[in-house]
Amino acid sequence: MKRVFTLALGLGAGVIVGAYVVHRLDEAQRAVQPAQLAGSAGRVAGGFAARLKEAAAEGRVAAAEREAELRARFDVPSVRSALGA
């Protein structure tokens, strides 16, 4: 009786582990299909472009603030005020 229980327990564990491995392999196979790779690359590129635009906007704001600070410090008029616009 003890051997039958051990055999059933081993077979059950083997089936569960086998099913898990097959499931993970199937997910990995689907992840490397061309359509999935293209979609993933598109999302990554879109995210990079958005971060790049955000960084450029922050850089322009920081440059404008620094320019205003330096103009005030050295008493240099802005181009617009110098032209009377």
PDB file of N, CA and C in Angstrom:
ATOM      1  N   MET A   1       0.823  -1.192   0.000  1.00  0.00           N
ATOM      2  CA  MET A   1       0.000   0.000   0.000  1.00  0.00           C
ATOM      3  C   MET A   1       0.871   1.262   0.000  1.00  0.00           C
ATOM      4  N   LYS A   2       1.967   1.211   0.745  1.00  0.00           N
ATOM      5  CA  LYS A   2       2.858   2.351   0.840  1.00  0.00           C
ATOM      6  C   LYS A   2       3.497   2.637  -0.519  1.00  0.00           C
ATOM      7  N   ARG A   3       3.850   1.586  -1.249  1.00  0.00           N
ATOM      8  CA  ARG A   3       4.465   1.760  -2.560  1.00  0.00           C
ATOM      9  C   ARG A   3       3.471   2.343  -3.564  1.00  0.00           C
ATOM     10  N   VAL A   4       2.237   1.935  -3.494  1.00  0.00           N
ATOM     11  CA  VAL A   4       1.211   2.445  -4.404  1.00  0.00           C
ATOM     12  C   VAL A   4       0.995   3.943  -4.150  1.00  0.00           C
ATOM     13  N   PHE A   5       0.952   4.334  -2.897  1.00  0.00           N
ATOM     14  CA  PHE A   5       0.791   5.748  -2.544  1.00  0.00           C
ATOM     15  C   PHE A   5       1.975   6.563  -3.051  1.00  0.00           C
ATOM     16  N   THR A   6       3.184   6.062  -2.859  1.00  0.00           N
ATOM     17  CA  THR A   6       4.379   6.775  -3.298  1.00  0.00           C
ATOM     18  C   THR A   6       4.395   6.886  -4.826  1.00  0.00           C
ATOM     19  N   LEU A   7       4.001   5.816  -5.507  1.00  0.00           N
ATOM     20  CA  LEU A   7       3.935   5.832  -6.966  1.00  0.00           C
ATOM     21  C   LEU A   7       2.908   6.855  -7.440  1.00  0.00           C
ATOM     22  N   ALA A   8       1.739   6.887  -6.837  1.00  0.00           N
ATOM     23  CA  ALA A   8       0.685   7.840  -7.229  1.00  0.00           C
ATOM     24  C   ALA A   8       1.132   9.268  -6.949  1.00  0.00           C
ATOM     25  N   LEU A   9       1.777   9.480  -5.836  1.00  0.00           N
ATOM     26  CA  LEU A   9       2.272  10.815  -5.491  1.00  0.00           C
ATOM     27  C   LEU A   9       3.333  11.261  -6.491  1.00  0.00           C
ATOM     28  N   GLY A  10       4.243  10.395  -6.847  1.00  0.00           N
ATOM     29  CA  GLY A  10       5.279  10.719  -7.823  1.00  0.00           C
ATOM     30  C   GLY A  10       4.707  10.992  -9.202  1.00  0.00           C
ATOM     31  N   LEU A  11       3.753  10.186  -9.638  1.00  0.00           N
ATOM     32  CA  LEU A  11       3.114  10.404 -10.932  1.00  0.00           C
ATOM     33  C   LEU A  11       2.341  11.721 -10.950  1.00  0.00           C
ATOM     34  N   GLY A  12       1.638  12.011  -9.873  1.00  0.00           N
ATOM     35  CA  GLY A  12       0.882  13.267  -9.789  1.00  0.00           C
ATOM     36  C   GLY A  12       1.797  14.476  -9.846  1.00  0.00           C
ATOM     37  N   ALA A  13       2.889  14.424  -9.117  1.00  0.00           N
ATOM     38  CA  ALA A  13       3.853  15.528  -9.136  1.00  0.00           C
ATOM     39  C   ALA A  13       4.465  15.656 -10.522  1.00  0.00           C
ATOM     40  N   GLY A  14       4.758  14.551 -11.165  1.00  0.00           N
ATOM     41  CA  GLY A  14       5.318  14.585 -12.506  1.00  0.00           C
ATOM     42  C   GLY A  14       4.368  15.201 -13.513  1.00  0.00           C
ATOM     43  N   VAL A  15       3.103  14.873 -13.402  1.00  0.00           N
ATOM     44  CA  VAL A  15       2.094  15.430 -14.307  1.00  0.00           C
ATOM     45  C   VAL A  15       1.970  16.934 -14.086  1.00  0.00           C
ATOM     46  N   ILE A  16       1.942  17.356 -12.846  1.00  0.00           N
ATOM     47  CA  ILE A  16       1.809  18.790 -12.540  1.00  0.00           C
ATOM     48  C   ILE A  16       3.025  19.560 -13.038  1.00  0.00           C
ATOM     49  N   VAL A  17       4.220  19.069 -12.760  1.00  0.00           N
ATOM     50  CA  VAL A  17       5.439  19.744 -13.221  1.00  0.00           C
ATOM     51  C   VAL A  17       5.505  19.735 -14.740  1.00  0.00           C
ATOM     52  N   GLY A  18       5.144  18.631 -15.358  1.00  0.00           N
ATOM     53  CA  GLY A  18       5.147  18.543 -16.819  1.00  0.00           C
ATOM     54  C   GLY A  18       4.183  19.526 -17.447  1.00  0.00           C
ATOM     55  N   ALA A  19       2.989  19.637 -16.891  1.00  0.00           N
ATOM     56  CA  ALA A  19       2.002  20.582 -17.423  1.00  0.00           C
ATOM     57  C   ALA A  19       2.496  22.014 -17.271  1.00  0.00           C
ATOM     58  N   TYR A  20       3.130  22.323 -16.161  1.00  0.00           N
ATOM     59  CA  TYR A  20       3.667  23.672 -15.941  1.00  0.00           C
ATOM     60  C   TYR A  20       4.764  23.988 -16.950  1.00  0.00           C
ATOM     61  N   VAL A  21       5.655  23.039 -17.182  1.00  0.00           N
ATOM     62  CA  VAL A  21       6.746  23.256 -18.138  1.00  0.00           C
ATOM     63  C   VAL A  21       6.188  23.448 -19.549  1.00  0.00           C
ATOM     64  N   VAL A  22       5.225  22.642 -19.946  1.00  0.00           N
ATOM     65  CA  VAL A  22       4.620  22.786 -21.275  1.00  0.00           C
ATOM     66  C   VAL A  22       3.941  24.151 -21.390  1.00  0.00           C
ATOM     67  N   HIS A  23       3.259  24.571 -20.367  1.00  0.00           N
ATOM     68  CA  HIS A  23       2.590  25.881 -20.376  1.00  0.00           C
ATOM     69  C   HIS A  23       3.610  27.008 -20.532  1.00  0.00           C
ATOM     70  N   ARG A  24       4.706  26.971 -19.785  1.00  0.00           N
ATOM     71  CA  ARG A  24       5.732  28.013 -19.879  1.00  0.00           C
ATOM     72  C   ARG A  24       6.411  28.004 -21.241  1.00  0.00           C
ATOM     73  N   LEU A  25       6.666  26.844 -21.804  1.00  0.00           N
ATOM     74  CA  LEU A  25       7.261  26.759 -23.135  1.00  0.00           C
ATOM     75  C   LEU A  25       6.321  27.334 -24.193  1.00  0.00           C
ATOM     76  N   ASP A  26       5.033  27.077 -24.046  1.00  0.00           N
ATOM     77  CA  ASP A  26       4.051  27.623 -24.984  1.00  0.00           C
ATOM     78  C   ASP A  26       4.011  29.150 -24.897  1.00  0.00           C
ATOM     79  N   GLU A  27       4.064  29.699 -23.694  1.00  0.00           N
ATOM     80  CA  GLU A  27       4.100  31.160 -23.527  1.00  0.00           C
ATOM     81  C   GLU A  27       5.366  31.753 -24.143  1.00  0.00           C
ATOM     82  N   ALA A  28       6.499  31.088 -23.942  1.00  0.00           N
ATOM     83  CA  ALA A  28       7.758  31.573 -24.506  1.00  0.00           C
ATOM     84  C   ALA A  28       7.733  31.534 -26.026  1.00  0.00           C
ATOM     85  N   GLN A  29       7.127  30.491 -26.582  1.00  0.00           N
ATOM     86  CA  GLN A  29       7.030  30.381 -28.036  1.00  0.00           C
ATOM     87  C   GLN A  29       6.149  31.490 -28.600  1.00  0.00           C
ATOM     88  N   ARG A  30       5.036  31.781 -27.931  1.00  0.00           N
ATOM     89  CA  ARG A  30       4.159  32.866 -28.390  1.00  0.00           C
ATOM     90  C   ARG A  30       4.836  34.224 -28.275  1.00  0.00           C
ATOM     91  N   ALA A  31       5.695  34.397 -27.279  1.00  0.00           N
ATOM     92  CA  ALA A  31       6.355  35.686 -27.051  1.00  0.00           C
ATOM     93  C   ALA A  31       7.365  36.023 -28.138  1.00  0.00           C
ATOM     94  N   VAL A  32       7.914  35.025 -28.823  1.00  0.00           N
ATOM     95  CA  VAL A  32       8.915  35.291 -29.848  1.00  0.00           C
ATOM     96  C   VAL A  32       8.353  35.202 -31.265  1.00  0.00           C
ATOM     97  N   GLN A  33       7.052  35.169 -31.412  1.00  0.00           N
ATOM     98  CA  GLN A  33       6.454  35.198 -32.744  1.00  0.00           C
ATOM     99  C   GLN A  33       6.643  36.593 -33.327  1.00  0.00           C
ATOM    100  N   PRO A  34       6.795  36.700 -34.648  1.00  0.00           N
ATOM    101  CA  PRO A  34       7.072  37.995 -35.279  1.00  0.00           C
ATOM    102  C   PRO A  34       6.066  39.090 -34.918  1.00  0.00           C
ATOM    103  N   ALA A  35       4.803  38.772 -34.859  1.00  0.00           N
ATOM    104  CA  ALA A  35       3.794  39.786 -34.530  1.00  0.00           C
ATOM    105  C   ALA A  35       3.991  40.310 -33.111  1.00  0.00           C
ATOM    106  N   GLN A  36       4.310  39.417 -32.198  1.00  0.00           N
ATOM    107  CA  GLN A  36       4.530  39.827 -30.812  1.00  0.00           C
ATOM    108  C   GLN A  36       5.791  40.674 -30.682  1.00  0.00           C
ATOM    109  N   LEU A  37       6.851  40.275 -31.402  1.00  0.00           N
ATOM    110  CA  LEU A  37       8.096  41.034 -31.341  1.00  0.00           C
ATOM    111  C   LEU A  37       7.919  42.421 -31.936  1.00  0.00           C
ATOM    112  N   ALA A  38       7.174  42.507 -33.029  1.00  0.00           N
ATOM    113  CA  ALA A  38       6.942  43.814 -33.653  1.00  0.00           C
ATOM    114  C   ALA A  38       6.138  44.720 -32.732  1.00  0.00           C
ATOM    115  N   GLY A  39       5.119  44.180 -32.104  1.00  0.00           N
ATOM    116  CA  GLY A  39       4.318  44.973 -31.175  1.00  0.00           C
ATOM    117  C   GLY A  39       5.129  45.441 -29.983  1.00  0.00           C
ATOM    118  N   SER A  40       5.962  44.551 -29.475  1.00  0.00           N
ATOM    119  CA  SER A  40       6.806  44.902 -28.338  1.00  0.00           C
ATOM    120  C   SER A  40       7.807  45.983 -28.722  1.00  0.00           C
ATOM    121  N   ALA A  41       8.409  45.848 -29.898  1.00  0.00           N
ATOM    122  CA  ALA A  41       9.372  46.852 -30.352  1.00  0.00           C
ATOM    123  C   ALA A  41       8.688  48.196 -30.567  1.00  0.00           C
ATOM    124  N   GLY A  42       7.471  48.178 -31.083  1.00  0.00           N
ATOM    125  CA  GLY A  42       6.728  49.421 -31.278  1.00  0.00           C
ATOM    126  C   GLY A  42       6.416  50.119 -29.971  1.00  0.00           C
ATOM    127  N   ARG A  43       6.041  49.345 -28.967  1.00  0.00           N
ATOM    128  CA  ARG A  43       5.747  49.937 -27.659  1.00  0.00           C
ATOM    129  C   ARG A  43       7.004  50.531 -27.042  1.00  0.00           C
ATOM    130  N   VAL A  44       8.117  49.828 -27.165  1.00  0.00           N
ATOM    131  CA  VAL A  44       9.380  50.330 -26.610  1.00  0.00           C
ATOM    132  C   VAL A  44       9.801  51.613 -27.325  1.00  0.00           C
ATOM    133  N   ALA A  45       9.699  51.620 -28.648  1.00  0.00           N
ATOM    134  CA  ALA A  45      10.093  52.808 -29.409  1.00  0.00           C
ATOM    135  C   ALA A  45       9.177  53.986 -29.088  1.00  0.00           C
ATOM    136  N   GLY A  46       7.890  53.731 -28.950  1.00  0.00           N
ATOM    137  CA  GLY A  46       6.952  54.799 -28.599  1.00  0.00           C
ATOM    138  C   GLY A  46       7.237  55.369 -27.228  1.00  0.00           C
ATOM    139  N   GLY A  47       7.555  54.505 -26.288  1.00  0.00           N
ATOM    140  CA  GLY A  47       7.893  54.964 -24.943  1.00  0.00           C
ATOM    141  C   GLY A  47       9.178  55.773 -24.940  1.00  0.00           C
ATOM    142  N   PHE A  48      10.151  55.353 -25.740  1.00  0.00           N
ATOM    143  CA  PHE A  48      11.410  56.081 -25.827  1.00  0.00           C
ATOM    144  C   PHE A  48      11.185  57.452 -26.441  1.00  0.00           C
ATOM    145  N   ALA A  49      10.368  57.521 -27.496  1.00  0.00           N
ATOM    146  CA  ALA A  49      10.096  58.808 -28.147  1.00  0.00           C
ATOM    147  C   ALA A  49       9.392  59.759 -27.178  1.00  0.00           C
ATOM    148  N   ALA A  50       8.471  59.244 -26.399  1.00  0.00           N
ATOM    149  CA  ALA A  50       7.764  60.088 -25.434  1.00  0.00           C
ATOM    150  C   ALA A  50       8.721  60.616 -24.373  1.00  0.00           C
ATOM    151  N   ARG A  51       9.608  59.743 -23.881  1.00  0.00           N
ATOM    152  CA  ARG A  51      10.578  60.186 -22.872  1.00  0.00           C
ATOM    153  C   ARG A  51      11.552  61.206 -23.458  1.00  0.00           C
ATOM    154  N   LEU A  52      11.912  61.023 -24.719  1.00  0.00           N
ATOM    155  CA  LEU A  52      12.817  61.954 -25.376  1.00  0.00           C
ATOM    156  C   LEU A  52      12.164  63.325 -25.540  1.00  0.00           C
ATOM    157  N   LYS A  53      10.888  63.352 -25.941  1.00  0.00           N
ATOM    158  CA  LYS A  53      10.164  64.618 -26.068  1.00  0.00           C
ATOM    159  C   LYS A  53      10.045  65.316 -24.717  1.00  0.00           C
ATOM    160  N   GLU A  54       9.763  64.540 -23.679  1.00  0.00           N
ATOM    161  CA  GLU A  54       9.636  65.112 -22.337  1.00  0.00           C
ATOM    162  C   GLU A  54      10.967  65.697 -21.865  1.00  0.00           C
ATOM    163  N   ALA A  55      12.053  64.989 -22.125  1.00  0.00           N
ATOM    164  CA  ALA A  55      13.376  65.479 -21.726  1.00  0.00           C
ATOM    165  C   ALA A  55      13.729  66.756 -22.478  1.00  0.00           C
ATOM    166  N   ALA A  56      13.399  66.822 -23.763  1.00  0.00           N
ATOM    167  CA  ALA A  56      13.679  68.025 -24.548  1.00  0.00           C
ATOM    168  C   ALA A  56      12.877  69.210 -24.025  1.00  0.00           C
ATOM    169  N   ALA A  57      11.612  68.982 -23.674  1.00  0.00           N
ATOM    170  CA  ALA A  57      10.776  70.057 -23.136  1.00  0.00           C
ATOM    171  C   ALA A  57      11.335  70.549 -21.795  1.00  0.00           C
ATOM    172  N   GLU A  58      11.752  69.626 -20.934  1.00  0.00           N
ATOM    173  CA  GLU A  58      12.340  70.026 -19.659  1.00  0.00           C
ATOM    174  C   GLU A  58      13.640  70.793 -19.874  1.00  0.00           C
ATOM    175  N   GLY A  59      14.408  70.388 -20.871  1.00  0.00           N
ATOM    176  CA  GLY A  59      15.652  71.091 -21.185  1.00  0.00           C
ATOM    177  C   GLY A  59      15.401  72.516 -21.655  1.00  0.00           C
ATOM    178  N   ARG A  60      14.360  72.696 -22.493  1.00  0.00           N
ATOM    179  CA  ARG A  60      14.023  74.049 -22.953  1.00  0.00           C
ATOM    180  C   ARG A  60      13.591  74.931 -21.793  1.00  0.00           C
ATOM    181  N   VAL A  61      12.803  74.392 -20.879  1.00  0.00           N
ATOM    182  CA  VAL A  61      12.357  75.162 -19.712  1.00  0.00           C
ATOM    183  C   VAL A  61      13.554  75.532 -18.843  1.00  0.00           C
ATOM    184  N   ALA A  62      14.445  74.574 -18.600  1.00  0.00           N
ATOM    185  CA  ALA A  62      15.627  74.849 -17.772  1.00  0.00           C
ATOM    186  C   ALA A  62      16.523  75.889 -18.439  1.00  0.00           C
ATOM    187  N   ALA A  63      16.668  75.812 -19.763  1.00  0.00           N
ATOM    188  CA  ALA A  63      17.505  76.786 -20.477  1.00  0.00           C
ATOM    189  C   ALA A  63      16.897  78.178 -20.399  1.00  0.00           C
ATOM    190  N   ALA A  64      15.579  78.274 -20.528  1.00  0.00           N
ATOM    191  CA  ALA A  64      14.915  79.573 -20.449  1.00  0.00           C
ATOM    192  C   ALA A  64      15.065  80.172 -19.050  1.00  0.00           C
ATOM    193  N   GLU A  65      14.926  79.326 -18.027  1.00  0.00           N
ATOM    194  CA  GLU A  65      15.096  79.812 -16.654  1.00  0.00           C
ATOM    195  C   GLU A  65      16.525  80.291 -16.416  1.00  0.00           C
ATOM    196  N   ARG A  66      17.479  79.536 -16.896  1.00  0.00           N
ATOM    197  CA  ARG A  66      18.883  79.923 -16.709  1.00  0.00           C
ATOM    198  C   ARG A  66      19.198  81.201 -17.479  1.00  0.00           C
ATOM    199  N   GLU A  67      18.637  81.327 -18.687  1.00  0.00           N
ATOM    200  CA  GLU A  67      18.857  82.539 -19.465  1.00  0.00           C
ATOM    201  C   GLU A  67      18.291  83.754 -18.741  1.00  0.00           C
ATOM    202  N   ALA A  68      17.082  83.615 -18.191  1.00  0.00           N
ATOM    203  CA  ALA A  68      16.468  84.720 -17.463  1.00  0.00           C
ATOM    204  C   ALA A  68      17.302  85.078 -16.233  1.00  0.00           C
ATOM    205  N   GLU A  69      17.819  84.059 -15.557  1.00  0.00           N
ATOM    206  CA  GLU A  69      18.654  84.296 -14.381  1.00  0.00           C
ATOM    207  C   GLU A  69      19.926  85.059 -14.762  1.00  0.00           C
ATOM    208  N   LEU A  70      20.575  84.633 -15.838  1.00  0.00           N
ATOM    209  CA  LEU A  70      21.809  85.302 -16.263  1.00  0.00           C
ATOM    210  C   LEU A  70      21.540  86.717 -16.773  1.00  0.00           C
ATOM    211  N   ARG A  71      20.445  86.911 -17.489  1.00  0.00           N
ATOM    212  CA  ARG A  71      20.105  88.254 -17.978  1.00  0.00           C
ATOM    213  C   ARG A  71      19.848  89.204 -16.804  1.00  0.00           C
ATOM    214  N   ALA A  72      19.171  88.702 -15.776  1.00  0.00           N
ATOM    215  CA  ALA A  72      18.910  89.531 -14.598  1.00  0.00           C
ATOM    216  C   ALA A  72      20.212  89.814 -13.840  1.00  0.00           C
ATOM    217  N   ARG A  73      21.063  88.833 -13.742  1.00  0.00           N
ATOM    218  CA  ARG A  73      22.302  88.984 -12.993  1.00  0.00           C
ATOM    219  C   ARG A  73      23.241  89.991 -13.669  1.00  0.00           C
ATOM    220  N   PHE A  74      23.353  89.943 -14.986  1.00  0.00           N
ATOM    221  CA  PHE A  74      24.274  90.809 -15.707  1.00  0.00           C
ATOM    222  C   PHE A  74      23.570  91.999 -16.364  1.00  0.00           C
ATOM    223  N   ASP A  75      22.293  92.190 -16.055  1.00  0.00           N
ATOM    224  CA  ASP A  75      21.501  93.319 -16.546  1.00  0.00           C
ATOM    225  C   ASP A  75      21.552  93.428 -18.085  1.00  0.00           C
ATOM    226  N   VAL A  76      21.262  92.310 -18.723  1.00  0.00           N
ATOM    227  CA  VAL A  76      21.218  92.264 -20.197  1.00  0.00           C
ATOM    228  C   VAL A  76      19.753  92.148 -20.605  1.00  0.00           C
ATOM    229  N   PRO A  77      19.271  93.065 -21.447  1.00  0.00           N
ATOM    230  CA  PRO A  77      17.864  92.997 -21.846  1.00  0.00           C
ATOM    231  C   PRO A  77      17.630  91.798 -22.780  1.00  0.00           C
ATOM    232  N   SER A  78      16.395  91.333 -22.785  1.00  0.00           N
ATOM    233  CA  SER A  78      16.046  90.241 -23.681  1.00  0.00           C
ATOM    234  C   SER A  78      15.963  90.775 -25.104  1.00  0.00           C
ATOM    235  N   VAL A  79      15.994  89.910 -26.082  1.00  0.00           N
ATOM    236  CA  VAL A  79      15.957  90.298 -27.475  1.00  0.00           C
ATOM    237  C   VAL A  79      14.622  91.016 -27.768  1.00  0.00           C
ATOM    238  N   ARG A  80      13.550  90.509 -27.220  1.00  0.00           N
ATOM    239  CA  ARG A  80      12.240  91.108 -27.473  1.00  0.00           C
ATOM    240  C   ARG A  80      12.159  92.508 -26.917  1.00  0.00           C
ATOM    241  N   SER A  81      12.665  92.713 -25.715  1.00  0.00           N
ATOM    242  CA  SER A  81      12.601  94.063 -25.144  1.00  0.00           C
ATOM    243  C   SER A  81      13.574  95.015 -25.847  1.00  0.00           C
ATOM    244  N   ALA A  82      14.681  94.494 -26.334  1.00  0.00           N
ATOM    245  CA  ALA A  82      15.643  95.319 -27.051  1.00  0.00           C
ATOM    246  C   ALA A  82      15.083  95.773 -28.392  1.00  0.00           C
ATOM    247  N   LEU A  83      14.262  94.921 -29.016  1.00  0.00           N
ATOM    248  CA  LEU A  83      13.667  95.289 -30.310  1.00  0.00           C
ATOM    249  C   LEU A  83      12.374  96.086 -30.132  1.00  0.00           C
ATOM    250  N   GLY A  84      11.901  96.186 -28.925  1.00  0.00           N
ATOM    251  CA  GLY A  84      10.685  96.952 -28.644  1.00  0.00           C
ATOM    252  C   GLY A  84       9.410  96.162 -28.922  1.00  0.00           C
ATOM    253  N   ALA A  85       9.514  94.877 -28.985  1.00  0.00           N
ATOM    254  CA  ALA A  85       8.345  94.053 -29.287  1.00  0.00           C
ATOM    255  C   ALA A  85       7.664  93.591 -28.013  1.00  0.00           C
TER     256      ALA A  85
END
